[in-house]
Amino acid sequence: MTTSPIVRGPGVEMPEKDPMDWSRWMRALGRQGRRAREFLGLSQEQLAALAGVSQGAVSRLEAGRGLATPMLVVLKINLALTHALRRVDPSLLNDELKRVLEIENRLSPPVGDVGFQALPLTRDPDLEEVVRVYRSLPERQRRTFLTVVRATAAALARPTEATGNRS
């Protein structure tokens, strides 16, 4: 793959053209989806009903004509296929597909009886909460929030007067 020229502006460096061939990627995604659908013995109409999308959306995606397809439609179809694949005897699936399903298992949030518990983003759920609180504040209040957090952390890091130990 050749490197595309860089467009330079004040403080900006961006590729002139996206090096990814999205049409080719979409065709490959469509072929894989069709293979999975046919393996499961589903018609396009059946898959569309499971995913809550139109049969035309499934057809366009499988034909690789889905570049303008909303991401939600692609995700719904993928989730319906994944849910159906989970009902297949695992001994029939190859190791790579089993790994893909495990990744899906970790990434897909629960939606009704479809989906799975999402993984935490950090090792510490309290850190996630601090970030959520920070991001929920108006921009002008974030500095104050950080000042309070820093002062609290500094106070907690000092040795206690009674024992001389850190708590």
N, C-alpha and C. Protein backbone atom coordinates (compact mmCIF):
# COMPACT_ATOMS: atom_id res chain seq x y z
N MET A 1 0.85 -1.18 0.00
CA MET A 1 0.00 0.00 0.00
C MET A 1 0.88 1.24 0.00
N THR A 2 0.56 2.16 -0.86
CA THR A 2 1.34 3.39 -0.93
C THR A 2 0.76 4.41 0.03
N THR A 3 1.64 5.28 0.46
CA THR A 3 1.21 6.33 1.38
C THR A 3 0.60 7.46 0.59
N SER A 4 -0.53 7.94 1.05
CA SER A 4 -1.18 9.04 0.34
C SER A 4 -0.54 10.35 0.77
N PRO A 5 -0.56 11.35 -0.12
CA PRO A 5 0.02 12.64 0.23
C PRO A 5 -0.69 13.25 1.44
N ILE A 6 0.01 14.11 2.14
CA ILE A 6 -0.53 14.74 3.33
C ILE A 6 -0.96 16.16 3.00
N VAL A 7 -2.15 16.52 3.43
CA VAL A 7 -2.62 17.90 3.30
C VAL A 7 -2.22 18.60 4.58
N ARG A 8 -1.48 19.67 4.46
CA ARG A 8 -1.00 20.37 5.65
C ARG A 8 -1.68 21.72 5.76
N GLY A 9 -2.06 22.03 6.96
CA GLY A 9 -2.66 23.32 7.26
C GLY A 9 -2.13 23.75 8.61
N PRO A 10 -2.63 24.84 9.14
CA PRO A 10 -2.16 25.28 10.45
C PRO A 10 -2.48 24.23 11.53
N GLY A 11 -1.47 23.49 11.92
CA GLY A 11 -1.64 22.49 12.97
C GLY A 11 -2.40 21.26 12.54
N VAL A 12 -2.60 21.04 11.23
CA VAL A 12 -3.40 19.92 10.75
C VAL A 12 -2.58 19.10 9.77
N GLU A 13 -2.56 17.80 9.97
CA GLU A 13 -1.97 16.88 9.01
C GLU A 13 -2.96 15.75 8.82
N MET A 14 -3.55 15.69 7.64
CA MET A 14 -4.54 14.66 7.36
C MET A 14 -4.23 14.03 6.02
N PRO A 15 -4.50 12.71 5.87
CA PRO A 15 -4.31 12.10 4.56
C PRO A 15 -5.25 12.76 3.56
N GLU A 16 -4.75 12.90 2.33
CA GLU A 16 -5.56 13.52 1.29
C GLU A 16 -6.75 12.63 0.94
N LYS A 17 -6.54 11.31 0.97
CA LYS A 17 -7.59 10.38 0.63
C LYS A 17 -7.55 9.23 1.62
N ASP A 18 -8.72 8.72 1.98
CA ASP A 18 -8.80 7.57 2.88
C ASP A 18 -8.18 6.36 2.20
N PRO A 19 -7.13 5.76 2.78
CA PRO A 19 -6.47 4.63 2.13
C PRO A 19 -7.30 3.35 2.19
N MET A 20 -8.35 3.32 2.97
CA MET A 20 -9.18 2.13 3.10
C MET A 20 -10.13 2.01 1.91
N ASP A 21 -10.21 0.82 1.34
CA ASP A 21 -11.14 0.56 0.24
C ASP A 21 -12.44 0.05 0.85
N TRP A 22 -13.31 1.00 1.18
CA TRP A 22 -14.54 0.66 1.89
C TRP A 22 -15.50 -0.15 1.04
N SER A 23 -15.51 0.03 -0.26
CA SER A 23 -16.38 -0.76 -1.14
C SER A 23 -15.98 -2.23 -1.08
N ARG A 24 -14.70 -2.47 -1.14
CA ARG A 24 -14.20 -3.85 -1.06
C ARG A 24 -14.53 -4.46 0.31
N TRP A 25 -14.34 -3.67 1.36
CA TRP A 25 -14.63 -4.14 2.72
C TRP A 25 -16.11 -4.48 2.85
N MET A 26 -16.98 -3.63 2.30
CA MET A 26 -18.42 -3.84 2.39
C MET A 26 -18.84 -5.09 1.63
N ARG A 27 -18.22 -5.33 0.47
CA ARG A 27 -18.53 -6.55 -0.29
C ARG A 27 -18.13 -7.79 0.50
N ALA A 28 -16.96 -7.75 1.15
CA ALA A 28 -16.52 -8.88 1.96
C ALA A 28 -17.45 -9.10 3.16
N LEU A 29 -17.88 -8.01 3.80
CA LEU A 29 -18.83 -8.12 4.91
C LEU A 29 -20.13 -8.75 4.42
N GLY A 30 -20.60 -8.32 3.26
CA GLY A 30 -21.83 -8.87 2.70
C GLY A 30 -21.72 -10.35 2.39
N ARG A 31 -20.59 -10.75 1.80
CA ARG A 31 -20.38 -12.19 1.49
C ARG A 31 -20.38 -13.01 2.77
N GLN A 32 -19.71 -12.50 3.80
CA GLN A 32 -19.64 -13.24 5.07
C GLN A 32 -21.03 -13.34 5.70
N GLY A 33 -21.78 -12.26 5.65
CA GLY A 33 -23.13 -12.28 6.20
C GLY A 33 -24.02 -13.26 5.46
N ARG A 34 -23.90 -13.28 4.14
CA ARG A 34 -24.71 -14.21 3.34
C ARG A 34 -24.34 -15.66 3.66
N ARG A 35 -23.04 -15.93 3.77
CA ARG A 35 -22.61 -17.30 4.12
C ARG A 35 -23.19 -17.72 5.46
N ALA A 36 -23.15 -16.82 6.45
CA ALA A 36 -23.69 -17.14 7.77
C ALA A 36 -25.20 -17.36 7.68
N ARG A 37 -25.90 -16.49 6.96
CA ARG A 37 -27.36 -16.62 6.83
C ARG A 37 -27.73 -17.94 6.17
N GLU A 38 -27.04 -18.28 5.08
CA GLU A 38 -27.33 -19.53 4.38
C GLU A 38 -26.98 -20.74 5.24
N PHE A 39 -25.87 -20.67 5.98
CA PHE A 39 -25.50 -21.76 6.89
C PHE A 39 -26.59 -21.99 7.92
N LEU A 40 -27.19 -20.90 8.39
CA LEU A 40 -28.25 -20.99 9.39
C LEU A 40 -29.59 -21.41 8.79
N GLY A 41 -29.66 -21.45 7.46
CA GLY A 41 -30.90 -21.85 6.81
C GLY A 41 -31.97 -20.77 6.84
N LEU A 42 -31.54 -19.52 6.91
CA LEU A 42 -32.48 -18.40 6.95
C LEU A 42 -32.62 -17.76 5.58
N SER A 43 -33.82 -17.34 5.25
CA SER A 43 -34.02 -16.53 4.05
C SER A 43 -33.70 -15.08 4.41
N GLN A 44 -33.55 -14.24 3.41
CA GLN A 44 -33.35 -12.81 3.68
C GLN A 44 -34.54 -12.26 4.45
N GLU A 45 -35.74 -12.70 4.10
CA GLU A 45 -36.94 -12.22 4.79
C GLU A 45 -36.92 -12.61 6.26
N GLN A 46 -36.52 -13.85 6.55
CA GLN A 46 -36.46 -14.31 7.94
C GLN A 46 -35.42 -13.52 8.74
N LEU A 47 -34.25 -13.33 8.14
CA LEU A 47 -33.21 -12.56 8.83
C LEU A 47 -33.68 -11.13 9.05
N ALA A 48 -34.32 -10.55 8.05
CA ALA A 48 -34.82 -9.18 8.18
C ALA A 48 -35.82 -9.09 9.34
N ALA A 49 -36.69 -10.07 9.45
CA ALA A 49 -37.68 -10.07 10.55
C ALA A 49 -36.99 -10.20 11.90
N LEU A 50 -35.97 -11.06 11.99
CA LEU A 50 -35.23 -11.21 13.25
C LEU A 50 -34.51 -9.92 13.64
N ALA A 51 -33.99 -9.22 12.63
CA ALA A 51 -33.20 -8.01 12.87
C ALA A 51 -34.07 -6.76 12.99
N GLY A 52 -35.33 -6.86 12.54
CA GLY A 52 -36.19 -5.69 12.57
C GLY A 52 -35.84 -4.67 11.49
N VAL A 53 -35.41 -5.18 10.33
CA VAL A 53 -35.07 -4.32 9.20
C VAL A 53 -35.81 -4.85 7.97
N SER A 54 -35.70 -4.16 6.87
CA SER A 54 -36.37 -4.61 5.64
C SER A 54 -35.54 -5.69 4.95
N GLN A 55 -36.23 -6.49 4.12
CA GLN A 55 -35.54 -7.50 3.33
C GLN A 55 -34.57 -6.82 2.37
N GLY A 56 -34.95 -5.64 1.86
CA GLY A 56 -34.08 -4.89 0.96
C GLY A 56 -32.78 -4.48 1.62
N ALA A 57 -32.83 -4.15 2.91
CA ALA A 57 -31.61 -3.78 3.64
C ALA A 57 -30.67 -4.97 3.72
N VAL A 58 -31.22 -6.16 3.99
CA VAL A 58 -30.39 -7.37 4.04
C VAL A 58 -29.79 -7.63 2.66
N SER A 59 -30.61 -7.51 1.60
CA SER A 59 -30.15 -7.73 0.24
C SER A 59 -29.02 -6.77 -0.13
N ARG A 60 -29.21 -5.49 0.16
CA ARG A 60 -28.17 -4.48 -0.18
C ARG A 60 -26.88 -4.77 0.57
N LEU A 61 -26.99 -5.13 1.84
CA LEU A 61 -25.80 -5.41 2.64
C LEU A 61 -25.06 -6.63 2.07
N GLU A 62 -25.80 -7.69 1.76
CA GLU A 62 -25.17 -8.91 1.23
C GLU A 62 -24.54 -8.67 -0.14
N ALA A 63 -25.11 -7.78 -0.91
CA ALA A 63 -24.58 -7.50 -2.25
C ALA A 63 -23.43 -6.50 -2.21
N GLY A 64 -23.09 -6.00 -1.02
CA GLY A 64 -22.00 -5.04 -0.90
C GLY A 64 -22.37 -3.65 -1.36
N ARG A 65 -23.68 -3.38 -1.43
CA ARG A 65 -24.15 -2.07 -1.84
C ARG A 65 -24.59 -1.26 -0.62
N GLY A 66 -24.00 -1.55 0.52
CA GLY A 66 -24.47 -0.94 1.76
C GLY A 66 -23.62 0.19 2.30
N LEU A 67 -22.80 0.84 1.46
CA LEU A 67 -21.95 1.91 1.97
C LEU A 67 -22.74 3.02 2.64
N ALA A 68 -23.94 3.28 2.15
CA ALA A 68 -24.76 4.34 2.74
C ALA A 68 -25.75 3.78 3.76
N THR A 69 -25.64 2.50 4.08
CA THR A 69 -26.54 1.88 5.05
C THR A 69 -26.23 2.43 6.44
N PRO A 70 -27.26 2.85 7.18
CA PRO A 70 -27.00 3.33 8.54
C PRO A 70 -26.35 2.24 9.40
N MET A 71 -25.43 2.65 10.24
CA MET A 71 -24.71 1.71 11.11
C MET A 71 -25.67 0.88 11.95
N LEU A 72 -26.77 1.48 12.38
CA LEU A 72 -27.74 0.75 13.21
C LEU A 72 -28.30 -0.45 12.46
N VAL A 73 -28.55 -0.31 11.17
CA VAL A 73 -29.07 -1.42 10.36
C VAL A 73 -28.02 -2.53 10.28
N VAL A 74 -26.77 -2.16 10.03
CA VAL A 74 -25.68 -3.15 9.97
C VAL A 74 -25.56 -3.87 11.30
N LEU A 75 -25.62 -3.13 12.40
CA LEU A 75 -25.50 -3.74 13.72
C LEU A 75 -26.68 -4.66 14.03
N LYS A 76 -27.88 -4.26 13.65
CA LYS A 76 -29.06 -5.09 13.90
C LYS A 76 -28.95 -6.42 13.16
N ILE A 77 -28.52 -6.37 11.91
CA ILE A 77 -28.37 -7.60 11.12
C ILE A 77 -27.28 -8.47 11.73
N ASN A 78 -26.15 -7.86 12.10
CA ASN A 78 -25.06 -8.60 12.71
C ASN A 78 -25.49 -9.24 14.02
N LEU A 79 -26.23 -8.50 14.83
CA LEU A 79 -26.68 -9.02 16.12
C LEU A 79 -27.64 -10.19 15.93
N ALA A 80 -28.54 -10.09 14.94
CA ALA A 80 -29.47 -11.19 14.67
C ALA A 80 -28.71 -12.44 14.21
N LEU A 81 -27.70 -12.26 13.34
CA LEU A 81 -26.89 -13.40 12.90
C LEU A 81 -26.12 -14.00 14.07
N THR A 82 -25.54 -13.15 14.88
CA THR A 82 -24.77 -13.62 16.04
C THR A 82 -25.66 -14.41 16.99
N HIS A 83 -26.84 -13.88 17.25
CA HIS A 83 -27.79 -14.55 18.16
C HIS A 83 -28.16 -15.93 17.60
N ALA A 84 -28.41 -16.00 16.29
CA ALA A 84 -28.76 -17.28 15.66
C ALA A 84 -27.58 -18.25 15.68
N LEU A 85 -26.37 -17.74 15.46
CA LEU A 85 -25.18 -18.60 15.48
C LEU A 85 -24.93 -19.19 16.87
N ARG A 86 -25.32 -18.48 17.90
CA ARG A 86 -25.13 -18.98 19.27
C ARG A 86 -25.99 -20.21 19.55
N ARG A 87 -27.05 -20.39 18.77
CA ARG A 87 -27.93 -21.55 18.97
C ARG A 87 -27.43 -22.79 18.21
N VAL A 88 -26.36 -22.61 17.43
CA VAL A 88 -25.79 -23.73 16.67
C VAL A 88 -24.85 -24.51 17.59
N ASP A 89 -24.81 -25.82 17.41
CA ASP A 89 -23.90 -26.67 18.17
C ASP A 89 -22.47 -26.14 17.98
N PRO A 90 -21.79 -25.73 19.06
CA PRO A 90 -20.44 -25.16 18.94
C PRO A 90 -19.43 -26.08 18.25
N SER A 91 -19.65 -27.39 18.31
CA SER A 91 -18.70 -28.30 17.66
C SER A 91 -18.73 -28.17 16.14
N LEU A 92 -19.78 -27.54 15.60
CA LEU A 92 -19.87 -27.34 14.16
C LEU A 92 -19.11 -26.09 13.70
N LEU A 93 -18.79 -25.21 14.61
CA LEU A 93 -18.17 -23.94 14.27
C LEU A 93 -16.65 -24.04 14.34
N ASN A 94 -15.97 -23.31 13.46
CA ASN A 94 -14.51 -23.32 13.51
C ASN A 94 -14.01 -22.44 14.66
N ASP A 95 -12.75 -22.61 15.01
CA ASP A 95 -12.19 -21.89 16.16
C ASP A 95 -12.23 -20.39 15.98
N GLU A 96 -11.99 -19.91 14.75
CA GLU A 96 -12.00 -18.47 14.52
C GLU A 96 -13.39 -17.89 14.76
N LEU A 97 -14.41 -18.56 14.28
CA LEU A 97 -15.78 -18.07 14.50
C LEU A 97 -16.13 -18.10 15.99
N LYS A 98 -15.68 -19.13 16.68
CA LYS A 98 -15.92 -19.18 18.13
C LYS A 98 -15.28 -17.98 18.83
N ARG A 99 -14.05 -17.61 18.40
CA ARG A 99 -13.38 -16.44 18.99
C ARG A 99 -14.15 -15.16 18.66
N VAL A 100 -14.64 -15.05 17.43
CA VAL A 100 -15.41 -13.87 17.04
C VAL A 100 -16.67 -13.78 17.91
N LEU A 101 -17.34 -14.89 18.11
CA LEU A 101 -18.54 -14.88 18.94
C LEU A 101 -18.21 -14.50 20.38
N GLU A 102 -17.05 -14.92 20.86
CA GLU A 102 -16.64 -14.55 22.22
C GLU A 102 -16.39 -13.04 22.30
N ILE A 103 -15.76 -12.48 21.28
CA ILE A 103 -15.54 -11.03 21.25
C ILE A 103 -16.88 -10.32 21.24
N GLU A 104 -17.79 -10.79 20.39
CA GLU A 104 -19.14 -10.22 20.35
C GLU A 104 -19.78 -10.31 21.73
N ASN A 105 -19.56 -11.41 22.38
CA ASN A 105 -20.12 -11.63 23.71
C ASN A 105 -19.66 -10.55 24.67
N ARG A 106 -18.44 -10.09 24.50
CA ARG A 106 -17.88 -9.08 25.40
C ARG A 106 -18.26 -7.65 25.00
N LEU A 107 -18.52 -7.42 23.73
CA LEU A 107 -18.75 -6.07 23.25
C LEU A 107 -20.22 -5.67 23.15
N SER A 108 -21.08 -6.64 22.94
CA SER A 108 -22.48 -6.33 22.65
C SER A 108 -23.27 -6.11 23.93
N PRO A 109 -23.83 -4.92 24.12
CA PRO A 109 -24.63 -4.67 25.31
C PRO A 109 -25.95 -5.41 25.25
N PRO A 110 -26.56 -5.71 26.40
CA PRO A 110 -27.83 -6.43 26.40
C PRO A 110 -28.95 -5.60 25.79
N VAL A 111 -29.76 -6.25 24.96
CA VAL A 111 -30.94 -5.62 24.37
C VAL A 111 -32.03 -6.68 24.43
N GLY A 112 -32.93 -6.57 25.39
CA GLY A 112 -33.95 -7.61 25.55
C GLY A 112 -33.27 -8.93 25.85
N ASP A 113 -33.66 -9.97 25.11
CA ASP A 113 -33.00 -11.26 25.32
C ASP A 113 -31.83 -11.46 24.37
N VAL A 114 -31.47 -10.41 23.62
CA VAL A 114 -30.34 -10.47 22.69
C VAL A 114 -29.23 -9.60 23.24
N GLY A 115 -28.00 -10.07 23.18
CA GLY A 115 -26.88 -9.27 23.65
C GLY A 115 -26.35 -9.82 24.96
N PHE A 116 -25.30 -9.20 25.43
CA PHE A 116 -24.60 -9.73 26.57
C PHE A 116 -24.06 -8.60 27.42
N GLN A 117 -23.67 -8.92 28.61
CA GLN A 117 -23.12 -7.90 29.50
C GLN A 117 -21.87 -7.29 28.89
N ALA A 118 -21.82 -5.99 28.86
CA ALA A 118 -20.65 -5.30 28.33
C ALA A 118 -19.51 -5.36 29.34
N LEU A 119 -18.31 -5.40 28.84
CA LEU A 119 -17.14 -5.39 29.71
C LEU A 119 -16.94 -3.99 30.28
N PRO A 120 -16.40 -3.91 31.48
CA PRO A 120 -16.04 -2.58 31.98
C PRO A 120 -14.95 -1.98 31.09
N LEU A 121 -14.92 -0.67 31.02
CA LEU A 121 -13.91 -0.01 30.18
C LEU A 121 -12.57 0.09 30.89
N THR A 122 -12.60 0.15 32.21
CA THR A 122 -11.36 0.24 32.99
C THR A 122 -11.38 -0.86 34.04
N ARG A 123 -10.26 -1.05 34.70
CA ARG A 123 -10.20 -2.03 35.78
C ARG A 123 -10.95 -1.55 37.02
N ASP A 124 -11.12 -0.24 37.10
CA ASP A 124 -11.73 0.37 38.28
C ASP A 124 -13.03 1.09 37.88
N PRO A 125 -14.18 0.52 38.27
CA PRO A 125 -15.45 1.16 37.91
C PRO A 125 -15.59 2.57 38.49
N ASP A 126 -14.92 2.84 39.61
CA ASP A 126 -14.98 4.19 40.18
C ASP A 126 -14.31 5.21 39.26
N LEU A 127 -13.25 4.79 38.58
CA LEU A 127 -12.59 5.68 37.63
C LEU A 127 -13.55 6.02 36.49
N GLU A 128 -14.28 5.02 36.01
CA GLU A 128 -15.28 5.28 34.97
C GLU A 128 -16.30 6.31 35.45
N GLU A 129 -16.70 6.19 36.72
CA GLU A 129 -17.68 7.13 37.26
C GLU A 129 -17.11 8.55 37.33
N VAL A 130 -15.85 8.68 37.74
CA VAL A 130 -15.22 10.00 37.80
C VAL A 130 -15.19 10.63 36.41
N VAL A 131 -14.84 9.83 35.40
CA VAL A 131 -14.80 10.35 34.03
C VAL A 131 -16.20 10.75 33.57
N ARG A 132 -17.20 9.91 33.87
CA ARG A 132 -18.59 10.25 33.49
C ARG A 132 -19.03 11.55 34.14
N VAL A 133 -18.71 11.72 35.45
CA VAL A 133 -19.09 12.95 36.15
C VAL A 133 -18.40 14.14 35.51
N TYR A 134 -17.10 14.02 35.26
CA TYR A 134 -16.34 15.10 34.63
C TYR A 134 -16.96 15.49 33.28
N ARG A 135 -17.25 14.50 32.45
CA ARG A 135 -17.78 14.78 31.12
C ARG A 135 -19.21 15.33 31.17
N SER A 136 -19.94 15.06 32.25
CA SER A 136 -21.31 15.56 32.34
C SER A 136 -21.36 17.04 32.74
N LEU A 137 -20.23 17.56 33.24
CA LEU A 137 -20.20 18.96 33.67
C LEU A 137 -20.02 19.90 32.48
N PRO A 138 -20.58 21.09 32.60
CA PRO A 138 -20.29 22.10 31.57
C PRO A 138 -18.79 22.39 31.57
N GLU A 139 -18.29 22.75 30.42
CA GLU A 139 -16.85 23.00 30.24
C GLU A 139 -16.29 23.92 31.32
N ARG A 140 -17.00 24.98 31.64
CA ARG A 140 -16.48 25.97 32.60
C ARG A 140 -16.39 25.42 34.02
N GLN A 141 -17.12 24.35 34.33
CA GLN A 141 -17.06 23.79 35.69
C GLN A 141 -16.07 22.64 35.83
N ARG A 142 -15.53 22.20 34.74
CA ARG A 142 -14.59 21.07 34.80
C ARG A 142 -13.30 21.42 35.54
N ARG A 143 -12.79 22.63 35.36
CA ARG A 143 -11.57 23.05 36.08
C ARG A 143 -11.79 23.02 37.59
N THR A 144 -12.93 23.51 38.01
CA THR A 144 -13.25 23.50 39.44
C THR A 144 -13.31 22.07 39.96
N PHE A 145 -13.95 21.20 39.19
CA PHE A 145 -14.04 19.78 39.56
C PHE A 145 -12.64 19.19 39.72
N LEU A 146 -11.76 19.45 38.76
CA LEU A 146 -10.40 18.91 38.84
C LEU A 146 -9.63 19.49 40.02
N THR A 147 -9.84 20.77 40.31
CA THR A 147 -9.18 21.39 41.47
C THR A 147 -9.60 20.69 42.76
N VAL A 148 -10.89 20.41 42.89
CA VAL A 148 -11.40 19.72 44.08
C VAL A 148 -10.85 18.30 44.15
N VAL A 149 -10.81 17.60 43.03
CA VAL A 149 -10.28 16.23 43.01
C VAL A 149 -8.81 16.23 43.40
N ARG A 150 -8.03 17.15 42.84
CA ARG A 150 -6.59 17.22 43.17
C ARG A 150 -6.37 17.53 44.65
N ALA A 151 -7.13 18.48 45.18
CA ALA A 151 -6.98 18.84 46.60
C ALA A 151 -7.35 17.67 47.49
N THR A 152 -8.41 16.96 47.13
CA THR A 152 -8.83 15.79 47.91
C THR A 152 -7.77 14.70 47.85
N ALA A 153 -7.24 14.45 46.66
CA ALA A 153 -6.20 13.42 46.52
C ALA A 153 -4.95 13.79 47.33
N ALA A 154 -4.58 15.07 47.30
CA ALA A 154 -3.41 15.51 48.07
C ALA A 154 -3.65 15.34 49.56
N ALA A 155 -4.85 15.67 50.02
CA ALA A 155 -5.17 15.53 51.45
C ALA A 155 -5.16 14.06 51.85
N LEU A 156 -5.67 13.20 51.01
CA LEU A 156 -5.70 11.77 51.33
C LEU A 156 -4.32 11.14 51.28
N ALA A 157 -3.41 11.72 50.50
CA ALA A 157 -2.07 11.18 50.36
C ALA A 157 -1.16 11.56 51.52
N ARG A 158 -1.54 12.62 52.28
CA ARG A 158 -0.71 13.04 53.42
C ARG A 158 -0.84 12.04 54.56
N PRO A 159 0.26 11.84 55.32
CA PRO A 159 0.17 10.96 56.50
C PRO A 159 -0.81 11.54 57.50
N THR A 160 -1.53 10.65 58.16
CA THR A 160 -2.47 11.13 59.19
C THR A 160 -1.68 11.59 60.39
N GLU A 161 -2.20 12.59 61.09
CA GLU A 161 -1.47 13.16 62.24
C GLU A 161 -1.43 12.18 63.41
N ALA A 162 -2.49 11.41 63.60
CA ALA A 162 -2.57 10.54 64.76
C ALA A 162 -1.60 9.37 64.67
N THR A 163 -1.46 8.76 63.50
CA THR A 163 -0.63 7.57 63.41
C THR A 163 0.65 7.78 62.65
N GLY A 164 0.70 8.83 61.84
CA GLY A 164 1.89 9.06 61.02
C GLY A 164 1.96 8.12 59.83
N ASN A 165 0.90 7.33 59.63
CA ASN A 165 0.83 6.39 58.49
C ASN A 165 -0.17 6.89 57.47
N ARG A 166 0.03 6.40 56.27
CA ARG A 166 -0.97 6.68 55.22
C ARG A 166 -2.13 5.72 55.40
N SER A 167 -3.33 6.24 55.16
CA SER A 167 -4.49 5.34 55.30
C SER A 167 -4.89 4.80 53.97
